[in-house]
Amino acid sequence: MARKYGKGTQKEVEKEMRQFKKGKAHSGRKLKPVKSRKQAVAIALSKARKKGMKVPKKAAKSRSK
């Protein structure tokens, strides 16, 4: 079975989590502080995607009927 995430992606998440733990992780144009671990991971995966690293596609949002 193939790896879901690449090694570079793993490093990117590690780096972002370190920033989050120090309280220095920010998001968005206004650089608001990151408040949750999930948000920090999402930011790291987004950065990895932009750099072209191996990351699965974002889950498609389902519409409620």
Foldseek 3Di string as FASTA:
>chain_A
DDDQFDPVLVVLLVVLVVCLVVQNQADDPVGHTDDDSVVSSVVSLVVCVVVVGRHDDDDDDDDDD
